[in-house]
């Protein structure tokens, strides 16, 4: 684990970020007193999600595909009633 003071971090931030990307942790100090830790963020899962997890849990009724009433269309278009 690397310990650096604020001035060093501000001066060479890109260098320390490269180390963090490689898996290192950096302790940020204020006058040699630790105040924060900079560490890598866990990488998100990269495997694809399986298809069909909600199969049978959702039902779309036939009325869903019916045209909307005129008053709702006018409201969406901002024409009021």
Protein backbone atom coordinates (compact mmCIF):
# COMPACT_ATOMS: atom_id res chain seq x y z
CA UNK A 1 0.00 0.00 0.00
CA UNK A 2 1.33 3.40 -1.01
CA UNK A 3 1.13 6.43 1.33
CA UNK A 4 1.30 9.93 -0.16
CA UNK A 5 0.59 13.44 1.03
CA UNK A 6 -1.97 15.70 -0.66
CA UNK A 7 0.64 17.79 -2.48
CA UNK A 8 2.22 14.66 -3.98
CA UNK A 9 -1.22 13.39 -5.04
CA UNK A 10 -2.12 16.68 -6.72
CA UNK A 11 1.23 16.86 -8.48
CA UNK A 12 1.30 13.27 -9.78
CA UNK A 13 -2.37 12.23 -9.78
CA UNK A 14 -2.29 10.50 -13.17
CA UNK A 15 0.69 8.38 -12.06
CA UNK A 16 -1.11 7.20 -8.93
CA UNK A 17 -4.34 6.54 -10.85
CA UNK A 18 -2.39 4.20 -13.14
CA UNK A 19 -1.21 2.30 -10.06
CA UNK A 20 -4.77 2.13 -8.74
CA UNK A 21 -5.95 0.73 -12.08
CA UNK A 22 -3.30 -1.97 -11.71
CA UNK A 23 -4.82 -2.97 -8.35
CA UNK A 24 -2.76 -0.91 -5.88
CA UNK A 25 -4.34 1.03 -3.02
CA UNK A 26 -3.14 4.53 -2.15
CA UNK A 27 -3.49 6.09 1.30
CA UNK A 28 -3.92 9.85 1.03
CA UNK A 29 -2.43 11.75 3.97
CA UNK A 30 -2.71 15.30 5.29
CA UNK A 31 0.62 16.12 6.95
CA UNK A 32 1.42 12.41 7.22
CA UNK A 33 -1.94 11.65 8.87
CA UNK A 34 -4.08 9.26 6.80
CA UNK A 35 -7.38 10.81 5.71
CA UNK A 36 -8.55 8.75 2.73
CA UNK A 37 -7.93 5.64 0.71
CA UNK A 38 -7.97 5.49 -3.07
CA UNK A 39 -8.58 1.95 -4.27
CA UNK A 40 -9.85 0.25 -7.40
CA UNK A 41 -13.58 -0.05 -7.90
CA UNK A 42 -14.71 -3.66 -8.43
CA UNK A 43 -15.29 -4.40 -12.10
CA UNK A 44 -18.91 -5.07 -13.07
CA UNK A 45 -19.94 -8.57 -13.96
CA UNK A 46 -19.41 -9.14 -17.65
CA UNK A 47 -21.35 -12.33 -18.31
CA UNK A 48 -24.67 -11.78 -20.09
CA UNK A 49 -27.90 -12.01 -18.18
CA UNK A 50 -30.01 -15.06 -18.96
CA UNK A 51 -33.10 -14.47 -21.08
CA UNK A 52 -36.53 -15.32 -19.73
CA UNK A 53 -36.08 -14.76 -15.98
CA UNK A 54 -39.57 -13.20 -15.69
CA UNK A 55 -41.33 -15.71 -17.95
CA UNK A 56 -44.83 -16.35 -16.64
CA UNK A 57 -44.71 -13.45 -14.15
CA UNK A 58 -45.93 -10.72 -16.51
CA UNK A 59 -49.17 -10.75 -18.44
CA UNK A 60 -49.95 -8.15 -21.08
CA UNK A 61 -53.67 -7.96 -21.74
CA UNK A 62 -54.99 -7.54 -25.28
CA UNK A 63 -56.41 -4.11 -24.34
CA UNK A 64 -52.83 -2.84 -24.02
CA UNK A 65 -52.64 -2.67 -27.80
CA UNK A 66 -55.95 -0.81 -28.25
CA UNK A 67 -55.71 2.81 -29.46
CA UNK A 68 -55.64 5.44 -26.72
CA UNK A 69 -58.72 7.62 -26.16
CA UNK A 70 -58.63 11.02 -27.91
CA UNK A 71 -58.48 12.99 -24.62
CA UNK A 72 -55.31 11.14 -23.57
CA UNK A 73 -53.69 11.71 -26.96
CA UNK A 74 -54.53 15.44 -26.75
CA UNK A 75 -53.04 15.58 -23.23
CA UNK A 76 -49.79 13.96 -24.45
CA UNK A 77 -49.64 16.44 -27.32
CA UNK A 78 -50.21 19.35 -24.91
CA UNK A 79 -53.54 20.36 -26.46
CA UNK A 80 -55.52 19.95 -23.24
CA UNK A 81 -59.15 18.79 -23.28
